[in-house]
Amino acid sequence: MENVADPVDGALLNDWQRNFPIVPEPFAVLARRLGIGDAEVLERLRRMHTAGRIARVGATCAPNTVSASTLAALQARPEELESIAGIVGEEPGVNHSYLREDAWNLWFVVTGPDRAHVDGTIARISERAGRRVLDLRLVRPFNVDLGFHMNGRAGDVPAPRPADPDVIRAGDRGILQCLTRGMPFELRPWVVIGRFLGRDEADVLERVAVLHDAGVIARLGVIVRHRALGWTSNAMCVWDVTPRVAANVGPDLARVPGVTLCYERRPVDGIWPYRLYNMIHARSRPEALATLGQVRALPSLAGAAHKVLFSTRCFKQTGALIKLNKGKAA
């Protein structure tokens, strides 16, 4: 496994990106599977977190179920890039921000407890930066798992699970916010989360299990930082296709090895015609372009106008904003 010499670290990174045990002592389960002590598991995870190899052990949520989100972009000249990226990054609702190779070069994801919060964030950024912001809302996801097989089979991920937001109850947003920020590296992490929220361990465990089974928690496990682990050539590919083509080809595109995200978004008339998106995460630009070649070979994309926007810099990467900090019970 490239860039991960220790086989135990490699197993933690590769095997526990999803299906994390929803039991009182989850790290002890990992320890038994790996044949080491639970204290060593916790120490290894803390070390990799400090080193920037993992963002957290926690959750990613199905888009627009428990909160609202959108992909956004603006144009920044080289001499103003730092200041505008700073404006974008100061917003707590911005959880990802990247520089990409295009005239629309500063891309970011805006999250919040509802659509009004997302709209307010975009409006503030636009006013402070003095730039139009493209609001590229999600139409449908085909693959938003963003899991990585560290043995080189990136993109070989489970099909997306349907999410049932009707299971969400009062207090769930607090639990989900803790999990998108990252669970504590403690033997009984649910006790710590419950104490923070004013709830008991059994209650937290029950709600996490319900939310996971319902697909609201799309993935629970180790969230890796792909750049720190060698996946440094990453490209967002956008395709100008009709809604019908997007719906038909999306599932096939999502299954191409090396494609780690795939979804349909609303275009912007007269400015941004692209409807279908996919991300390619690779260890080199030639490897990324080889994956792109497989994508281009899909019959439905033959001759489709498209762009390939390589990411050149990460400004911000954190968990989604699900709730405002207005109390423990929200």
Protein backbone atom coordinates (compact mmCIF):
# COMPACT_ATOMS: atom_id res chain seq x y z
CA MET A 1 0.00 0.00 0.00
CA GLU A 2 1.68 3.16 -1.21
CA ASN A 3 2.53 5.82 1.42
CA VAL A 4 1.34 3.54 4.25
CA ALA A 5 4.19 1.25 5.23
CA ASP A 6 2.63 -0.14 8.40
CA PRO A 7 0.13 -2.94 7.60
CA VAL A 8 -1.97 -2.25 10.71
CA ASP A 9 -2.31 1.42 9.80
CA GLY A 10 -3.15 0.29 6.30
CA ALA A 11 -5.92 -1.97 7.56
CA LEU A 12 -7.36 0.81 9.71
CA LEU A 13 -7.38 3.17 6.74
CA ASN A 14 -8.68 0.73 4.17
CA ASP A 15 -11.03 -1.63 6.01
CA TRP A 16 -12.90 0.72 8.35
CA GLN A 17 -14.01 3.53 6.06
CA ARG A 18 -17.59 2.30 6.41
CA ASN A 19 -19.63 -0.09 8.59
CA PHE A 20 -18.04 1.21 11.78
CA PRO A 21 -19.38 -0.81 14.75
CA ILE A 22 -22.36 0.85 16.43
CA VAL A 23 -21.68 -0.75 19.81
CA PRO A 24 -20.62 0.65 23.21
CA GLU A 25 -16.89 -0.04 22.62
CA PRO A 26 -16.39 0.19 18.84
CA PHE A 27 -12.63 0.60 18.93
CA ALA A 28 -12.35 -2.66 20.87
CA VAL A 29 -14.06 -4.40 17.92
CA LEU A 30 -11.42 -2.96 15.57
CA ALA A 31 -8.70 -4.09 17.99
CA ARG A 32 -9.96 -7.70 18.04
CA ARG A 33 -10.15 -7.81 14.25
CA LEU A 34 -6.59 -6.48 13.97
CA GLY A 35 -5.17 -8.62 16.77
CA ILE A 36 -3.92 -5.67 18.84
CA GLY A 37 -5.02 -3.87 22.00
CA ASP A 38 -7.75 -1.25 22.00
CA ALA A 39 -5.38 1.34 23.45
CA GLU A 40 -3.09 0.80 20.45
CA VAL A 41 -5.97 1.27 18.01
CA LEU A 42 -6.85 4.59 19.65
CA GLU A 43 -3.23 5.71 19.67
CA ARG A 44 -2.78 4.85 15.99
CA LEU A 45 -5.92 6.76 15.03
CA ARG A 46 -4.90 9.76 17.13
CA ARG A 47 -1.47 9.75 15.51
CA MET A 48 -2.86 9.56 11.97
CA HIS A 49 -5.35 12.32 12.80
CA THR A 50 -2.59 14.57 14.12
CA ALA A 51 -0.49 13.82 11.04
CA GLY A 52 -3.39 14.79 8.77
CA ARG A 53 -3.86 11.35 7.27
CA ILE A 54 -7.43 11.10 8.48
CA ALA A 55 -9.93 13.91 8.85
CA ARG A 56 -11.93 12.12 11.53
CA VAL A 57 -13.64 8.93 12.51
CA GLY A 58 -17.27 9.80 12.02
CA ALA A 59 -20.08 10.20 9.54
CA THR A 60 -20.99 11.57 6.17
CA CYS A 61 -24.70 12.25 5.69
CA ALA A 62 -26.87 11.73 2.63
CA PRO A 63 -27.17 15.04 0.77
CA ASN A 64 -30.04 17.35 1.72
CA THR A 65 -31.62 14.98 4.22
CA VAL A 66 -30.73 16.38 7.62
CA SER A 67 -29.29 19.64 6.28
CA ALA A 68 -28.95 21.67 3.08
CA SER A 69 -25.92 21.99 0.83
CA THR A 70 -24.77 23.16 -2.57
CA LEU A 71 -21.65 23.29 -4.72
CA ALA A 72 -20.54 26.83 -5.51
CA ALA A 73 -17.84 28.54 -7.58
CA LEU A 74 -16.50 32.00 -8.26
CA GLN A 75 -13.73 33.63 -10.27
CA ALA A 76 -10.67 35.02 -8.47
CA ARG A 77 -7.66 36.65 -10.10
CA PRO A 78 -4.23 35.45 -8.91
CA GLU A 79 -3.51 38.65 -6.99
CA GLU A 80 -6.78 38.41 -5.03
CA LEU A 81 -6.96 34.66 -4.57
CA GLU A 82 -5.67 34.59 -1.00
CA SER A 83 -8.03 37.28 0.24
CA ILE A 84 -11.10 35.83 -1.48
CA ALA A 85 -10.26 32.30 -0.37
CA GLY A 86 -10.00 33.70 3.13
CA ILE A 87 -13.47 35.24 2.84
CA VAL A 88 -14.86 31.90 1.69
CA GLY A 89 -13.08 29.93 4.39
CA GLU A 90 -14.26 32.20 7.21
CA GLU A 91 -17.83 31.05 6.69
CA PRO A 92 -18.58 28.16 9.09
CA GLY A 93 -20.96 26.66 6.53
CA VAL A 94 -18.16 26.19 3.98
CA ASN A 95 -16.73 22.74 4.60
CA HIS A 96 -14.67 22.22 1.44
CA SER A 97 -12.79 24.80 -0.63
CA TYR A 98 -10.46 24.08 -3.57
CA LEU A 99 -8.54 25.90 -6.27
CA ARG A 100 -9.18 24.33 -9.68
CA GLU A 101 -7.81 24.86 -13.18
CA ASP A 102 -10.49 27.00 -14.82
CA ALA A 103 -11.65 30.61 -15.13
CA TRP A 104 -14.18 29.62 -12.46
CA ASN A 105 -11.33 28.61 -10.23
CA LEU A 106 -12.42 28.79 -6.59
CA TRP A 107 -14.84 25.98 -5.76
CA PHE A 108 -16.48 25.32 -2.43
CA VAL A 109 -19.29 23.40 -0.76
CA VAL A 110 -21.75 25.36 1.36
CA THR A 111 -23.68 23.53 4.08
CA GLY A 112 -26.17 24.58 6.71
CA PRO A 113 -29.21 23.53 8.71
CA ASP A 114 -31.59 24.72 5.97
CA ARG A 115 -31.66 26.29 2.51
CA ALA A 116 -32.06 29.81 3.91
CA HIS A 117 -28.77 29.43 5.77
CA VAL A 118 -27.02 28.24 2.60
CA ASP A 119 -28.49 31.15 0.61
CA GLY A 120 -27.33 33.60 3.27
CA THR A 121 -23.80 32.21 3.18
CA ILE A 122 -23.64 32.54 -0.61
CA ALA A 123 -24.99 36.09 -0.46
CA ARG A 124 -22.40 37.16 2.14
CA ILE A 125 -19.53 35.64 0.16
CA SER A 126 -20.73 37.30 -3.05
CA GLU A 127 -21.05 40.71 -1.39
CA ARG A 128 -17.74 40.58 0.47
CA ALA A 129 -15.78 39.17 -2.49
CA GLY A 130 -17.49 41.40 -5.04
CA ARG A 131 -18.00 38.40 -7.29
CA ARG A 132 -20.90 36.44 -8.68
CA VAL A 133 -21.18 33.01 -7.09
CA LEU A 134 -22.49 30.08 -9.10
CA ASP A 135 -25.02 28.11 -7.05
CA LEU A 136 -24.96 24.59 -8.51
CA ARG A 137 -27.68 22.75 -6.65
CA LEU A 138 -27.87 18.98 -6.49
CA VAL A 139 -30.50 17.30 -8.64
CA ARG A 140 -29.64 13.67 -7.90
CA PRO A 141 -26.64 11.73 -6.55
CA PHE A 142 -25.25 8.65 -8.27
CA ASN A 143 -22.29 8.13 -5.94
CA VAL A 144 -21.40 10.41 -3.02
CA ASP A 145 -19.64 7.83 -0.87
CA LEU A 146 -16.10 9.15 -1.44
CA GLY A 147 -14.51 6.05 0.01
CA PHE A 148 -11.01 5.03 -1.07
CA HIS A 149 -9.61 1.57 -1.53
CA MET A 150 -6.02 2.18 -0.51
CA ASN A 151 -4.80 -0.73 -2.62
CA GLY A 152 -5.45 1.23 -5.78
CA ARG A 153 -9.04 0.29 -6.59
CA ALA A 154 -10.46 3.73 -5.92
CA GLY A 155 -14.04 4.06 -6.98
CA ASP A 156 -15.00 0.44 -6.18
CA VAL A 157 -17.64 1.47 -3.64
CA PRO A 158 -21.10 0.24 -2.72
CA ALA A 159 -24.12 1.54 -4.60
CA PRO A 160 -25.79 4.48 -2.87
CA ARG A 161 -28.39 3.54 -0.30
CA PRO A 162 -31.78 5.24 -0.40
CA ALA A 163 -32.20 7.67 2.50
CA ASP A 164 -35.38 7.99 4.55
CA PRO A 165 -35.41 11.41 6.26
CA ASP A 166 -38.74 10.57 7.93
CA VAL A 167 -36.82 8.75 10.68
CA ILE A 168 -35.16 11.99 11.87
CA ARG A 169 -36.28 13.02 15.35
CA ALA A 170 -35.70 15.98 17.64
CA GLY A 171 -32.13 15.85 18.90
CA ASP A 172 -30.75 13.85 15.98
CA ARG A 173 -29.06 16.88 14.44
CA GLY A 174 -26.93 17.28 17.52
CA ILE A 175 -25.74 13.68 17.25
CA LEU A 176 -25.06 14.01 13.53
CA GLN A 177 -23.14 17.25 14.03
CA CYS A 178 -20.88 15.48 16.52
CA LEU A 179 -20.28 12.68 14.03
CA THR A 180 -19.56 14.98 11.10
CA ARG A 181 -17.03 16.81 13.27
CA GLY A 182 -15.54 13.52 14.45
CA MET A 183 -16.14 11.18 17.37
CA PRO A 184 -13.73 11.31 20.33
CA PHE A 185 -10.88 8.83 20.36
CA GLU A 186 -12.06 7.23 23.58
CA LEU A 187 -12.88 3.62 24.43
CA ARG A 188 -16.56 4.51 24.91
CA PRO A 189 -17.04 7.45 22.51
CA TRP A 190 -20.85 7.40 22.70
CA VAL A 191 -20.66 8.17 26.42
CA VAL A 192 -18.60 11.29 25.65
CA ILE A 193 -20.99 12.37 22.88
CA GLY A 194 -23.98 11.74 25.13
CA ARG A 195 -22.46 13.75 27.95
CA PHE A 196 -21.89 16.67 25.58
CA LEU A 197 -25.51 16.52 24.38
CA GLY A 198 -27.07 15.78 27.76
CA ARG A 199 -28.14 12.29 26.72
CA ASP A 200 -27.23 8.77 27.79
CA GLU A 201 -25.12 6.30 25.86
CA ALA A 202 -27.95 3.89 25.03
CA ASP A 203 -30.05 6.71 23.60
CA VAL A 204 -27.21 7.93 21.37
CA LEU A 205 -26.45 4.40 20.17
CA GLU A 206 -30.08 3.71 19.34
CA ARG A 207 -30.44 6.90 17.29
CA VAL A 208 -27.15 6.34 15.41
CA ALA A 209 -28.28 2.83 14.49
CA VAL A 210 -31.66 4.11 13.24
CA LEU A 211 -30.08 6.92 11.21
CA HIS A 212 -27.50 4.57 9.72
CA ASP A 213 -30.05 1.90 8.80
CA ALA A 214 -32.25 4.56 7.18
CA GLY A 215 -29.37 5.84 5.02
CA VAL A 216 -29.37 9.31 6.61
CA ILE A 217 -25.86 8.43 7.76
CA ALA A 218 -24.47 7.51 4.35
CA ARG A 219 -21.14 6.30 5.70
CA LEU A 220 -19.79 5.78 9.21
CA GLY A 221 -16.10 5.12 9.68
CA VAL A 222 -12.63 6.47 9.01
CA ILE A 223 -12.70 9.56 6.79
CA VAL A 224 -9.29 9.73 5.10
CA ARG A 225 -7.49 12.79 3.74
CA HIS A 226 -6.73 11.51 0.26
CA ARG A 227 -4.03 14.05 -0.57
CA ALA A 228 -1.97 13.11 2.48
CA LEU A 229 -2.21 9.47 1.44
CA GLY A 230 -0.94 9.98 -2.08
CA TRP A 231 -4.13 10.71 -4.05
CA THR A 232 -2.84 14.06 -5.24
CA SER A 233 -4.07 14.26 -8.85
CA ASN A 234 -7.75 14.96 -8.51
CA ALA A 235 -10.04 16.27 -11.21
CA MET A 236 -13.64 17.38 -11.37
CA CYS A 237 -15.11 16.49 -14.77
CA VAL A 238 -18.26 18.28 -15.92
CA TRP A 239 -20.42 17.21 -18.87
CA ASP A 240 -22.92 19.19 -20.93
CA VAL A 241 -25.69 16.63 -21.37
CA THR A 242 -29.47 16.60 -21.24
CA PRO A 243 -31.34 15.55 -18.09
CA ARG A 244 -32.31 12.30 -19.81
CA VAL A 245 -28.69 11.45 -20.69
CA ALA A 246 -27.55 12.34 -17.18
CA ALA A 247 -30.15 10.02 -15.67
CA ASN A 248 -29.22 7.17 -17.99
CA VAL A 249 -25.44 7.39 -17.88
CA GLY A 250 -25.02 8.48 -14.26
CA PRO A 251 -25.12 4.99 -12.71
CA ASP A 252 -22.65 3.65 -15.29
CA LEU A 253 -20.33 6.60 -14.78
CA ALA A 254 -20.42 6.12 -11.02
CA ARG A 255 -19.17 2.54 -11.43
CA VAL A 256 -16.05 3.41 -13.46
CA PRO A 257 -12.99 2.48 -11.33
CA GLY A 258 -11.30 5.71 -10.26
CA VAL A 259 -14.53 7.73 -10.20
CA THR A 260 -15.13 8.63 -6.58
CA LEU A 261 -18.11 10.99 -6.83
CA CYS A 262 -20.86 11.33 -9.40
CA TYR A 263 -24.00 13.46 -9.42
CA GLU A 264 -26.30 15.67 -11.47
CA ARG A 265 -26.52 19.40 -10.70
CA ARG A 266 -28.50 22.31 -12.07
CA PRO A 267 -26.69 24.25 -14.81
CA VAL A 268 -26.67 28.07 -14.92
CA ASP A 269 -28.19 29.42 -18.11
CA GLY A 270 -25.74 31.28 -20.29
CA ILE A 271 -22.81 30.76 -17.95
CA TRP A 272 -22.34 27.15 -16.88
CA PRO A 273 -24.12 24.57 -19.07
CA TYR A 274 -22.74 21.49 -17.34
CA ARG A 275 -25.19 19.15 -15.66
CA LEU A 276 -23.34 15.89 -14.99
CA TYR A 277 -20.31 15.82 -12.65
CA ASN A 278 -17.80 13.23 -11.63
CA MET A 279 -14.67 13.35 -9.52
CA ILE A 280 -11.55 11.37 -10.32
CA HIS A 281 -9.05 10.84 -7.51
CA ALA A 282 -5.72 9.43 -8.67
CA ARG A 283 -2.08 9.22 -7.62
CA SER A 284 -0.76 10.93 -10.76
CA ARG A 285 -2.10 13.01 -13.61
CA PRO A 286 -1.50 10.23 -16.17
CA GLU A 287 -3.49 7.86 -13.95
CA ALA A 288 -6.32 10.40 -13.72
CA LEU A 289 -6.31 10.91 -17.48
CA ALA A 290 -6.42 7.15 -17.99
CA THR A 291 -9.57 7.03 -15.89
CA LEU A 292 -10.94 9.93 -17.90
CA GLY A 293 -10.33 7.87 -21.03
CA GLN A 294 -12.56 5.13 -19.63
CA VAL A 295 -15.23 7.70 -18.86
CA ARG A 296 -15.08 9.17 -22.35
CA ALA A 297 -15.55 5.66 -23.75
CA LEU A 298 -19.05 5.46 -22.30
CA PRO A 299 -21.35 5.56 -25.36
CA SER A 300 -23.71 8.14 -23.88
CA LEU A 301 -20.83 10.58 -23.35
CA ALA A 302 -19.31 10.21 -26.83
CA GLY A 303 -18.82 13.69 -28.23
CA ALA A 304 -20.34 15.43 -25.21
CA ALA A 305 -18.86 18.85 -24.45
CA HIS A 306 -16.99 18.71 -21.17
CA LYS A 307 -14.29 20.25 -19.01
CA VAL A 308 -11.66 18.68 -16.77
CA LEU A 309 -10.79 20.83 -13.76
CA PHE A 310 -7.78 19.53 -11.85
CA SER A 311 -7.57 20.59 -8.21
CA THR A 312 -4.30 22.35 -7.43
CA ARG A 313 -4.81 23.46 -3.84
CA CYS A 314 -7.04 22.66 -0.86
CA PHE A 315 -7.99 25.66 1.28
CA LYS A 316 -10.43 23.97 3.65
CA GLN A 317 -11.76 20.50 4.40
CA THR A 318 -13.98 19.78 7.37
CA GLY A 319 -17.33 18.25 8.28
CA ALA A 320 -20.68 19.66 7.20
CA LEU A 321 -22.54 22.26 9.24
CA ILE A 322 -25.79 20.57 10.30
CA LYS A 323 -27.01 22.69 13.21
CA LEU A 324 -26.31 26.07 14.68
CA ASN A 325 -24.75 26.17 18.12
CA LYS A 326 -27.84 27.26 20.02
CA GLY A 327 -28.09 24.60 22.65
CA LYS A 328 -27.57 20.90 23.25
CA ALA A 329 -31.01 19.62 22.37
CA ALA A 330 -31.41 20.99 18.86
